[in-house]
Amino acid sequence: TKKILDVLGYSDLFSIMMCPDDVKVGKPNPEGALKIIDKLGMKKEECLYIGDNNADFYTGNNAGIDVVIVSWGPRKFKDDVKPKAFVKSYKELEDFILNAK
């Protein structure tokens, strides 16, 4: 993940990165999300898990975090995937975050 972000020039936008090698159990286990929350010194209620697939929804949900799913791309979502919002564009995502309370 870090190598990809370095190549794209986005690494500086992230203060913490959590990769599969950083956890004992991967998604949908919430270990990675909870580690990030802890490292940031935040509360779950202050966080938003943004994902693009079923495993991301289950990870955020299992961690007790509100989830927003970006629905662009060729994805099929299971019937029980019920995030706080499905967004269809970067603009919708931005609007959701800026208007979240």
Protein backbone atom coordinates (compact mmCIF):
# COMPACT_ATOMS: atom_id res chain seq x y z
CA THR A 1 0.00 0.00 0.00
CA LYS A 2 2.74 2.45 0.95
CA LYS A 3 4.63 1.80 -2.29
CA ILE A 4 1.51 2.47 -4.35
CA LEU A 5 0.78 5.68 -2.44
CA ASP A 6 4.42 6.75 -2.86
CA VAL A 7 4.25 6.26 -6.63
CA LEU A 8 0.96 8.17 -6.81
CA GLY A 9 2.36 10.95 -4.61
CA TYR A 10 -0.28 10.48 -1.90
CA SER A 11 1.77 9.11 1.01
CA ASP A 12 1.96 12.47 2.75
CA LEU A 13 -1.85 12.59 2.98
CA PHE A 14 -1.91 9.70 5.47
CA SER A 15 -0.50 9.85 8.99
CA ILE A 16 -1.19 6.15 9.59
CA MET A 17 -1.40 3.19 7.23
CA MET A 18 -2.54 -0.28 8.21
CA CYS A 19 -1.63 -3.16 5.92
CA PRO A 20 -2.37 -6.90 6.11
CA ASP A 21 1.09 -7.50 7.62
CA ASP A 22 0.21 -5.18 10.53
CA VAL A 23 -2.62 -7.34 11.88
CA LYS A 24 -3.02 -10.92 13.05
CA VAL A 25 -6.40 -11.36 11.38
CA GLY A 26 -7.49 -9.50 8.26
CA LYS A 27 -10.82 -8.07 7.20
CA PRO A 28 -13.61 -8.37 8.19
CA ASN A 29 -11.97 -8.67 11.62
CA PRO A 30 -11.90 -5.12 13.03
CA GLU A 31 -8.35 -5.35 14.44
CA GLY A 32 -6.82 -2.98 11.87
CA ALA A 33 -9.53 -0.35 12.18
CA LEU A 34 -9.40 -0.48 15.97
CA LYS A 35 -5.59 -0.14 15.96
CA ILE A 36 -5.84 2.98 13.83
CA ILE A 37 -8.48 4.51 16.10
CA ASP A 38 -6.27 3.78 19.09
CA LYS A 39 -3.14 5.24 17.45
CA LEU A 40 -5.05 8.40 16.58
CA GLY A 41 -6.43 8.66 20.11
CA MET A 42 -9.96 8.93 18.77
CA LYS A 43 -13.34 7.55 19.76
CA LYS A 44 -15.30 5.28 17.43
CA GLU A 45 -18.06 7.88 17.26
CA GLU A 46 -15.57 10.33 15.69
CA CYS A 47 -14.62 7.94 12.88
CA LEU A 48 -15.97 7.02 9.49
CA TYR A 49 -14.92 3.85 7.67
CA ILE A 50 -14.92 4.40 3.90
CA GLY A 51 -14.82 1.28 1.79
CA ASP A 52 -15.70 -0.14 -1.59
CA ASN A 53 -16.66 -3.75 -0.92
CA ASN A 54 -18.55 -6.13 1.36
CA ALA A 55 -15.49 -6.87 3.53
CA ASP A 56 -15.01 -3.16 4.17
CA PHE A 57 -18.62 -2.81 5.32
CA TYR A 58 -18.29 -5.78 7.68
CA THR A 59 -14.96 -4.52 9.02
CA GLY A 60 -16.32 -1.09 9.91
CA ASN A 61 -19.53 -2.57 11.25
CA ASN A 62 -17.62 -5.11 13.37
CA ALA A 63 -15.52 -2.25 14.75
CA GLY A 64 -18.63 -0.27 15.68
CA ILE A 65 -17.83 2.53 13.22
CA ASP A 66 -20.21 4.24 10.78
CA VAL A 67 -19.50 3.04 7.24
CA VAL A 68 -19.82 4.77 3.89
CA ILE A 69 -19.50 2.65 0.78
CA VAL A 70 -18.25 4.15 -2.47
CA SER A 71 -20.30 2.32 -5.06
CA TRP A 72 -18.41 3.11 -8.24
CA GLY A 73 -16.86 0.14 -9.96
CA PRO A 74 -18.13 -3.33 -10.83
CA ARG A 75 -19.18 -4.41 -7.33
CA LYS A 76 -22.16 -6.39 -6.13
CA PHE A 77 -23.16 -5.82 -2.53
CA LYS A 78 -24.83 -8.40 -0.32
CA ASP A 79 -28.38 -7.67 0.84
CA ASP A 80 -27.26 -7.19 4.46
CA VAL A 81 -24.75 -4.47 3.55
CA LYS A 82 -26.48 -1.36 4.89
CA PRO A 83 -23.94 1.45 5.33
CA LYS A 84 -24.67 4.96 6.57
CA ALA A 85 -24.56 5.90 2.87
CA PHE A 86 -23.75 4.60 -0.58
CA VAL A 87 -22.00 7.33 -2.56
CA LYS A 88 -21.55 7.32 -6.31
CA SER A 89 -18.84 9.95 -6.78
CA TYR A 90 -15.99 11.74 -5.04
CA LYS A 91 -18.24 14.80 -4.86
CA GLU A 92 -20.96 12.85 -3.04
CA LEU A 93 -18.34 11.49 -0.65
CA GLU A 94 -17.00 14.98 0.00
CA ASP A 95 -20.51 16.33 0.58
CA PHE A 96 -21.32 13.50 2.97
CA ILE A 97 -18.17 14.08 5.02
CA LEU A 98 -18.55 17.85 5.11
CA ASN A 99 -22.19 17.57 6.20
CA ALA A 100 -21.71 14.73 8.71
CA LYS A 101 -22.50 15.55 12.29
